[in-house]
PDB file of N, CA and C in Angstrom:
ATOM      1  N   MET A   1      99.093 108.155 119.493  1.00  0.00           N
ATOM      2  CA  MET A   1      99.844 107.080 118.687  1.00  0.00           C
ATOM      3  C   MET A   1     101.549 107.958 118.933  1.00  0.00           C
ATOM      4  N   SER A   2     102.402 106.952 118.815  1.00  0.00           N
ATOM      5  CA  SER A   2     103.706 107.492 119.030  1.00  0.00           C
ATOM      6  C   SER A   2     104.336 108.119 117.616  1.00  0.00           C
ATOM      7  N   VAL A   3     105.708 108.499 117.927  1.00  0.00           N
ATOM      8  CA  VAL A   3     106.382 109.218 116.558  1.00  0.00           C
ATOM      9  C   VAL A   3     106.415 107.742 116.062  1.00  0.00           C
ATOM     10  N   LYS A   4     107.592 106.856 116.372  1.00  0.00           N
ATOM     11  CA  LYS A   4     107.352 105.744 115.567  1.00  0.00           C
ATOM     12  C   LYS A   4     106.635 104.949 114.884  1.00  0.00           C
ATOM     13  N   ASP A   5     105.064 104.783 115.277  1.00  0.00           N
ATOM     14  CA  ASP A   5     104.055 104.495 114.769  1.00  0.00           C
ATOM     15  C   ASP A   5     103.291 105.300 113.644  1.00  0.00           C
ATOM     16  N   VAL A   6     103.940 106.460 113.711  1.00  0.00           N
ATOM     17  CA  VAL A   6     103.117 107.508 112.713  1.00  0.00           C
ATOM     18  C   VAL A   6     104.467 107.143 111.645  1.00  0.00           C
ATOM     19  N   VAL A   7     105.812 107.305 111.750  1.00  0.00           N
ATOM     20  CA  VAL A   7     106.622 106.990 110.608  1.00  0.00           C
ATOM     21  C   VAL A   7     106.156 105.823 109.847  1.00  0.00           C
ATOM     22  N   ALA A   8     106.009 104.871 110.574  1.00  0.00           N
ATOM     23  CA  ALA A   8     105.707 103.716 109.873  1.00  0.00           C
ATOM     24  C   ALA A   8     104.559 103.817 109.226  1.00  0.00           C
ATOM     25  N   LYS A   9     103.172 103.947 109.658  1.00  0.00           N
ATOM     26  CA  LYS A   9     102.263 104.498 109.014  1.00  0.00           C
ATOM     27  C   LYS A   9     102.628 105.564 108.006  1.00  0.00           C
ATOM     28  N   ARG A  10     103.243 106.179 108.075  1.00  0.00           N
ATOM     29  CA  ARG A  10     103.838 107.223 106.588  1.00  0.00           C
ATOM     30  C   ARG A  10     104.238 106.813 105.662  1.00  0.00           C
ATOM     31  N   PHE A  11     105.403 105.889 106.082  1.00  0.00           N
ATOM     32  CA  PHE A  11     105.886 104.290 104.567  1.00  0.00           C
ATOM     33  C   PHE A  11     105.184 103.578 104.172  1.00  0.00           C
ATOM     34  N   LYS A  12     104.222 103.190 105.016  1.00  0.00           N
ATOM     35  CA  LYS A  12     103.279 102.137 104.241  1.00  0.00           C
ATOM     36  C   LYS A  12     101.977 102.732 103.432  1.00  0.00           C
ATOM     37  N   GLU A  13     102.022 104.159 103.511  1.00  0.00           N
ATOM     38  CA  GLU A  13     100.993 104.889 102.786  1.00  0.00           C
ATOM     39  C   GLU A  13     101.670 105.356 101.329  1.00  0.00           C
ATOM     40  N   LEU A  14     103.316 105.444 101.698  1.00  0.00           N
ATOM     41  CA  LEU A  14     103.612 105.561 100.228  1.00  0.00           C
ATOM     42  C   LEU A  14     104.195 104.600  99.384  1.00  0.00           C
ATOM     43  N   CYS A  15     103.997 103.673 100.308  1.00  0.00           N
ATOM     44  CA  CYS A  15     104.380 102.728  99.126  1.00  0.00           C
ATOM     45  C   CYS A  15     103.190 101.905  98.895  1.00  0.00           C
ATOM     46  N   GLU A  16     101.945 102.432  99.065  1.00  0.00           N
ATOM     47  CA  GLU A  16     100.553 101.783  99.019  1.00  0.00           C
ATOM     48  C   GLU A  16     100.699 103.124  97.510  1.00  0.00           C
ATOM     49  N   GLU A  17     100.981 104.359  97.769  1.00  0.00           N
ATOM     50  CA  GLU A  17     100.384 105.069  96.674  1.00  0.00           C
ATOM     51  C   GLU A  17     101.603 104.621  95.587  1.00  0.00           C
ATOM     52  N   ARG A  18     102.477 104.297  95.201  1.00  0.00           N
ATOM     53  CA  ARG A  18     103.425 103.533  94.822  1.00  0.00           C
ATOM     54  C   ARG A  18     103.280 102.505  94.263  1.00  0.00           C
ATOM     55  N   ASN A  19     102.374 101.648  94.974  1.00  0.00           N
ATOM     56  CA  ASN A  19     102.013 100.428  94.611  1.00  0.00           C
ATOM     57  C   ASN A  19     103.664  99.354  94.800  1.00  0.00           C
ATOM     58  N   ILE A  20     104.093  99.710  96.028  1.00  0.00           N
ATOM     59  CA  ILE A  20     105.448  98.769  96.338  1.00  0.00           C
ATOM     60  C   ILE A  20     105.147  98.015  97.464  1.00  0.00           C
ATOM     61  N   LYS A  21     105.702  96.950  97.793  1.00  0.00           N
ATOM     62  CA  LYS A  21     105.931  96.523  99.763  1.00  0.00           C
ATOM     63  C   LYS A  21     107.042  96.797  99.353  1.00  0.00           C
ATOM     64  N   ILE A  22     106.855  96.515 101.007  1.00  0.00           N
ATOM     65  CA  ILE A  22     108.201  97.123 101.845  1.00  0.00           C
ATOM     66  C   ILE A  22     109.497  96.612 101.538  1.00  0.00           C
ATOM     67  N   ASN A  23     109.531  95.459 101.452  1.00  0.00           N
ATOM     68  CA  ASN A  23     110.599  94.907 100.705  1.00  0.00           C
ATOM     69  C   ASN A  23     111.241  95.418  99.362  1.00  0.00           C
ATOM     70  N   GLU A  24     110.916  95.987  98.730  1.00  0.00           N
ATOM     71  CA  GLU A  24     111.100  96.735  97.166  1.00  0.00           C
ATOM     72  C   GLU A  24     111.347  97.738  97.722  1.00  0.00           C
ATOM     73  N   LEU A  25     110.690  98.484  98.544  1.00  0.00           N
ATOM     74  CA  LEU A  25     111.362  99.733  99.422  1.00  0.00           C
ATOM     75  C   LEU A  25     112.355  99.679  99.794  1.00  0.00           C
ATOM     76  N   ALA A  26     112.927  98.776 100.646  1.00  0.00           N
ATOM     77  CA  ALA A  26     114.033  98.356 101.128  1.00  0.00           C
ATOM     78  C   ALA A  26     115.140  98.405  99.976  1.00  0.00           C
ATOM     79  N   ASN A  27     114.667  97.328  99.439  1.00  0.00           N
ATOM     80  CA  ASN A  27     116.122  97.030  98.236  1.00  0.00           C
ATOM     81  C   ASN A  27     116.491  98.301  97.250  1.00  0.00           C
ATOM     82  N   ILE A  28     115.483  99.228  97.317  1.00  0.00           N
ATOM     83  CA  ILE A  28     115.405 100.293  96.108  1.00  0.00           C
ATOM     84  C   ILE A  28     116.569 101.466  97.019  1.00  0.00           C
ATOM     85  N   SER A  29     116.288 101.470  98.725  1.00  0.00           N
ATOM     86  CA  SER A  29     117.005 102.413  99.212  1.00  0.00           C
ATOM     87  C   SER A  29     118.140 101.625  99.999  1.00  0.00           C
ATOM     88  N   GLY A  30     118.814 100.941  99.725  1.00  0.00           N
ATOM     89  CA  GLY A  30     119.793 100.422  99.958  1.00  0.00           C
ATOM     90  C   GLY A  30     120.031  99.783 101.815  1.00  0.00           C
ATOM     91  N   VAL A  31     118.509  99.053 101.761  1.00  0.00           N
ATOM     92  CA  VAL A  31     118.494  98.687 103.270  1.00  0.00           C
ATOM     93  C   VAL A  31     118.195  97.344 103.266  1.00  0.00           C
ATOM     94  N   THR A  32     118.440  96.533 104.210  1.00  0.00           N
ATOM     95  CA  THR A  32     117.781  95.427 104.192  1.00  0.00           C
ATOM     96  C   THR A  32     116.701  94.717 104.330  1.00  0.00           C
ATOM     97  N   PRO A  33     116.122  94.218 103.720  1.00  0.00           N
ATOM     98  CA  PRO A  33     114.579  93.432 104.121  1.00  0.00           C
ATOM     99  C   PRO A  33     114.337  93.440 105.680  1.00  0.00           C
ATOM    100  N   SER A  34     115.154  92.748 106.482  1.00  0.00           N
ATOM    101  CA  SER A  34     114.734  92.593 107.580  1.00  0.00           C
ATOM    102  C   SER A  34     114.919  94.198 108.667  1.00  0.00           C
ATOM    103  N   THR A  35     115.720  95.108 108.145  1.00  0.00           N
ATOM    104  CA  THR A  35     115.518  96.583 108.675  1.00  0.00           C
ATOM    105  C   THR A  35     113.839  97.292 108.729  1.00  0.00           C
ATOM    106  N   ALA A  36     113.557  96.986 107.421  1.00  0.00           N
ATOM    107  CA  ALA A  36     112.206  97.299 106.914  1.00  0.00           C
ATOM    108  C   ALA A  36     111.293  96.883 107.260  1.00  0.00           C
ATOM    109  N   TYR A  37     111.246  95.841 107.908  1.00  0.00           N
ATOM    110  CA  TYR A  37     110.218  94.911 108.514  1.00  0.00           C
ATOM    111  C   TYR A  37     110.397  95.132 109.810  1.00  0.00           C
ATOM    112  N   SER A  38     111.458  94.957 110.779  1.00  0.00           N
ATOM    113  CA  SER A  38     111.745  95.349 111.824  1.00  0.00           C
ATOM    114  C   SER A  38     110.773  97.130 112.074  1.00  0.00           C
ATOM    115  N   MET A  39     111.214  98.044 111.290  1.00  0.00           N
ATOM    116  CA  MET A  39     110.416  99.484 111.569  1.00  0.00           C
ATOM    117  C   MET A  39     108.991  99.261 111.695  1.00  0.00           C
ATOM    118  N   MET A  40     108.312  97.971 111.057  1.00  0.00           N
ATOM    119  CA  MET A  40     107.484  98.070 110.758  1.00  0.00           C
ATOM    120  C   MET A  40     106.603  97.222 111.772  1.00  0.00           C
ATOM    121  N   ASP A  41     107.110  96.406 112.707  1.00  0.00           N
ATOM    122  CA  ASP A  41     107.045  95.526 114.024  1.00  0.00           C
ATOM    123  C   ASP A  41     106.551  96.541 115.279  1.00  0.00           C
ATOM    124  N   GLU A  42     105.547  96.526 115.666  1.00  0.00           N
ATOM    125  CA  GLU A  42     105.122  97.540 116.752  1.00  0.00           C
ATOM    126  C   GLU A  42     105.604  97.094 117.772  1.00  0.00           C
ATOM    127  N   LYS A  43     106.612  95.945 118.139  1.00  0.00           N
ATOM    128  CA  LYS A  43     107.386  95.969 119.421  1.00  0.00           C
ATOM    129  C   LYS A  43     108.422  96.923 119.317  1.00  0.00           C
ATOM    130  N   ARG A  44     108.765  97.061 118.024  1.00  0.00           N
ATOM    131  CA  ARG A  44     110.378  98.098 117.836  1.00  0.00           C
ATOM    132  C   ARG A  44     109.800  99.599 118.439  1.00  0.00           C
ATOM    133  N   ARG A  45     111.033 100.101 118.889  1.00  0.00           N
ATOM    134  CA  ARG A  45     110.445 101.218 119.807  1.00  0.00           C
ATOM    135  C   ARG A  45     111.207 102.561 118.973  1.00  0.00           C
ATOM    136  N   ASP A  46     112.324 102.563 118.203  1.00  0.00           N
ATOM    137  CA  ASP A  46     113.269 102.986 117.807  1.00  0.00           C
ATOM    138  C   ASP A  46     113.394 103.378 116.416  1.00  0.00           C
ATOM    139  N   ILE A  47     113.401 104.416 115.498  1.00  0.00           N
ATOM    140  CA  ILE A  47     114.105 104.450 114.409  1.00  0.00           C
ATOM    141  C   ILE A  47     114.956 105.384 114.032  1.00  0.00           C
ATOM    142  N   SER A  48     116.287 104.711 113.455  1.00  0.00           N
ATOM    143  CA  SER A  48     117.017 105.829 113.061  1.00  0.00           C
ATOM    144  C   SER A  48     116.930 106.877 112.300  1.00  0.00           C
ATOM    145  N   ILE A  49     117.452 107.924 112.178  1.00  0.00           N
ATOM    146  CA  ILE A  49     116.966 108.676 110.971  1.00  0.00           C
ATOM    147  C   ILE A  49     117.398 108.667 110.037  1.00  0.00           C
ATOM    148  N   ILE A  50     118.853 108.162 109.995  1.00  0.00           N
ATOM    149  CA  ILE A  50     119.886 107.770 109.208  1.00  0.00           C
ATOM    150  C   ILE A  50     118.730 106.631 108.081  1.00  0.00           C
ATOM    151  N   THR A  51     117.744 105.693 108.853  1.00  0.00           N
ATOM    152  CA  THR A  51     117.329 104.744 107.759  1.00  0.00           C
ATOM    153  C   THR A  51     115.632 105.262 107.133  1.00  0.00           C
ATOM    154  N   ILE A  52     114.992 106.236 107.622  1.00  0.00           N
ATOM    155  CA  ILE A  52     114.701 107.321 107.264  1.00  0.00           C
ATOM    156  C   ILE A  52     114.808 108.520 106.618  1.00  0.00           C
ATOM    157  N   LYS A  53     115.903 108.447 106.280  1.00  0.00           N
ATOM    158  CA  LYS A  53     116.622 109.344 105.266  1.00  0.00           C
ATOM    159  C   LYS A  53     116.609 108.490 103.861  1.00  0.00           C
ATOM    160  N   LYS A  54     117.230 107.040 104.034  1.00  0.00           N
ATOM    161  CA  LYS A  54     117.025 106.229 102.959  1.00  0.00           C
ATOM    162  C   LYS A  54     116.145 105.588 102.380  1.00  0.00           C
ATOM    163  N   PHE A  55     114.910 105.331 103.120  1.00  0.00           N
ATOM    164  CA  PHE A  55     113.956 105.199 102.576  1.00  0.00           C
ATOM    165  C   PHE A  55     113.065 106.090 101.509  1.00  0.00           C
ATOM    166  N   CYS A  56     113.396 107.377 102.496  1.00  0.00           N
ATOM    167  CA  CYS A  56     112.865 108.964 101.921  1.00  0.00           C
ATOM    168  C   CYS A  56     113.743 108.934 100.307  1.00  0.00           C
ATOM    169  N   ASP A  57     115.389 108.971 100.337  1.00  0.00           N
ATOM    170  CA  ASP A  57     115.727 108.726  99.320  1.00  0.00           C
ATOM    171  C   ASP A  57     115.277 107.862  98.088  1.00  0.00           C
ATOM    172  N   GLY A  58     115.152 106.278  98.560  1.00  0.00           N
ATOM    173  CA  GLY A  58     114.732 105.346  97.545  1.00  0.00           C
ATOM    174  C   GLY A  58     113.294 105.767  97.015  1.00  0.00           C
ATOM    175  N   LEU A  59     112.153 106.229  97.806  1.00  0.00           N
ATOM    176  CA  LEU A  59     111.362 107.139  97.360  1.00  0.00           C
ATOM    177  C   LEU A  59     111.488 108.108  96.240  1.00  0.00           C
ATOM    178  N   GLY A  60     112.404 108.836  96.874  1.00  0.00           N
ATOM    179  CA  GLY A  60     113.099 110.100  95.763  1.00  0.00           C
ATOM    180  C   GLY A  60     111.969 111.297  96.338  1.00  0.00           C
ATOM    181  N   ILE A  61     112.131 111.583  97.333  1.00  0.00           N
ATOM    182  CA  ILE A  61     111.183 112.641  98.252  1.00  0.00           C
ATOM    183  C   ILE A  61     112.412 113.095  99.330  1.00  0.00           C
ATOM    184  N   THR A  62     111.965 113.946  99.851  1.00  0.00           N
ATOM    185  CA  THR A  62     112.878 115.023 101.206  1.00  0.00           C
ATOM    186  C   THR A  62     112.458 114.692 102.354  1.00  0.00           C
ATOM    187  N   LEU A  63     112.969 115.053 103.221  1.00  0.00           N
ATOM    188  CA  LEU A  63     112.744 114.742 104.362  1.00  0.00           C
ATOM    189  C   LEU A  63     111.761 115.461 104.771  1.00  0.00           C
ATOM    190  N   GLY A  64     111.468 117.197 104.312  1.00  0.00           N
ATOM    191  CA  GLY A  64     110.500 117.554 104.531  1.00  0.00           C
ATOM    192  C   GLY A  64     109.121 117.483 104.250  1.00  0.00           C
ATOM    193  N   GLU A  65     109.513 116.760 103.070  1.00  0.00           N
ATOM    194  CA  GLU A  65     108.545 116.008 102.466  1.00  0.00           C
ATOM    195  C   GLU A  65     107.665 114.507 102.977  1.00  0.00           C
ATOM    196  N   PHE A  66     108.315 114.013 103.749  1.00  0.00           N
ATOM    197  CA  PHE A  66     108.124 113.044 104.594  1.00  0.00           C
ATOM    198  C   PHE A  66     107.335 113.368 105.269  1.00  0.00           C
ATOM    199  N   PHE A  67     107.903 114.499 106.437  1.00  0.00           N
ATOM    200  CA  PHE A  67     107.265 114.910 107.786  1.00  0.00           C
ATOM    201  C   PHE A  67     106.248 116.137 107.590  1.00  0.00           C
ATOM    202  N   SER A  68     106.075 116.105 106.501  1.00  0.00           N
ATOM    203  CA  SER A  68     105.236 117.236 106.249  1.00  0.00           C
ATOM    204  C   SER A  68     103.475 116.555 106.014  1.00  0.00           C
ATOM    205  N   THR A  69     103.058 116.704 107.164  1.00  0.00           N
ATOM    206  CA  THR A  69     101.455 115.647 107.466  1.00  0.00           C
ATOM    207  C   THR A  69     101.028 116.074 108.804  1.00  0.00           C
ATOM    208  N   SER A  70      99.763 115.998 108.330  1.00  0.00           N
ATOM    209  CA  SER A  70      99.109 116.578 109.905  1.00  0.00           C
ATOM    210  C   SER A  70      99.289 115.359 111.008  1.00  0.00           C
ATOM    211  N   ASP A  71      99.675 114.247 110.687  1.00  0.00           N
ATOM    212  CA  ASP A  71      99.982 113.175 111.224  1.00  0.00           C
ATOM    213  C   ASP A  71     101.188 113.357 112.472  1.00  0.00           C
ATOM    214  N   PHE A  72     102.056 114.072 111.483  1.00  0.00           N
ATOM    215  CA  PHE A  72     103.365 114.618 112.567  1.00  0.00           C
ATOM    216  C   PHE A  72     103.072 115.807 113.084  1.00  0.00           C
ATOM    217  N   ASP A  73     102.801 116.791 112.567  1.00  0.00           N
ATOM    218  CA  ASP A  73     102.045 118.051 113.287  1.00  0.00           C
ATOM    219  C   ASP A  73     101.240 117.568 114.890  1.00  0.00           C
ATOM    220  N   SER A  74     100.245 116.262 114.790  1.00  0.00           N
ATOM    221  CA  SER A  74      99.537 116.540 115.771  1.00  0.00           C
ATOM    222  C   SER A  74     100.132 115.768 117.168  1.00  0.00           C
ATOM    223  N   LEU A  75     101.381 115.292 116.728  1.00  0.00           N
ATOM    224  CA  LEU A  75     101.801 114.498 117.919  1.00  0.00           C
ATOM    225  C   LEU A  75     102.158 115.185 119.336  1.00  0.00           C
ATOM    226  N   GLU A  76     101.721 114.466 120.380  1.00  0.00           N
ATOM    227  CA  GLU A  76     102.048 115.309 121.773  1.00  0.00           C
ATOM    228  C   GLU A  76     103.172 115.386 122.048  1.00  0.00           C
ATOM    229  N   GLN A  77     103.799 116.234 122.895  1.00  0.00           N
ATOM    230  CA  GLN A  77     105.073 116.391 123.333  1.00  0.00           C
ATOM    231  C   GLN A  77     105.399 115.262 123.937  1.00  0.00           C
ATOM    232  N   GLU A  78     107.156 114.950 123.905  1.00  0.00           N
ATOM    233  CA  GLU A  78     107.436 114.172 124.544  1.00  0.00           C
ATOM    234  C   GLU A  78     108.112 113.980 125.809  1.00  0.00           C
ATOM    235  N   ILE A  79     108.602 115.526 125.858  1.00  0.00           N
ATOM    236  CA  ILE A  79     108.654 116.146 127.320  1.00  0.00           C
ATOM    237  C   ILE A  79     107.485 116.684 128.189  1.00  0.00           C
ATOM    238  N   TYR A  80     107.501 116.829 128.931  1.00  0.00           N
ATOM    239  CA  TYR A  80     106.935 117.498 129.644  1.00  0.00           C
ATOM    240  C   TYR A  80     106.650 118.510 130.341  1.00  0.00           C
TER     241      TYR A  80
END
């Protein structure tokens, strides 16, 4: 699984926990819904850390809380 896939998965999980849709997350985070939906698009490769921070702010969590999961810990190295 790629970093981008894990980020998208994490946001989906957080939205489900809070019973909100991704477009609602975008609205409370001050991000356009199209940005939120493009983050979930499997074809899109990169996600800005600024966008991740805005979503975390909208969810009321820190970046540390967001990235503190076994999925992020088990990612393979990008550079060999």
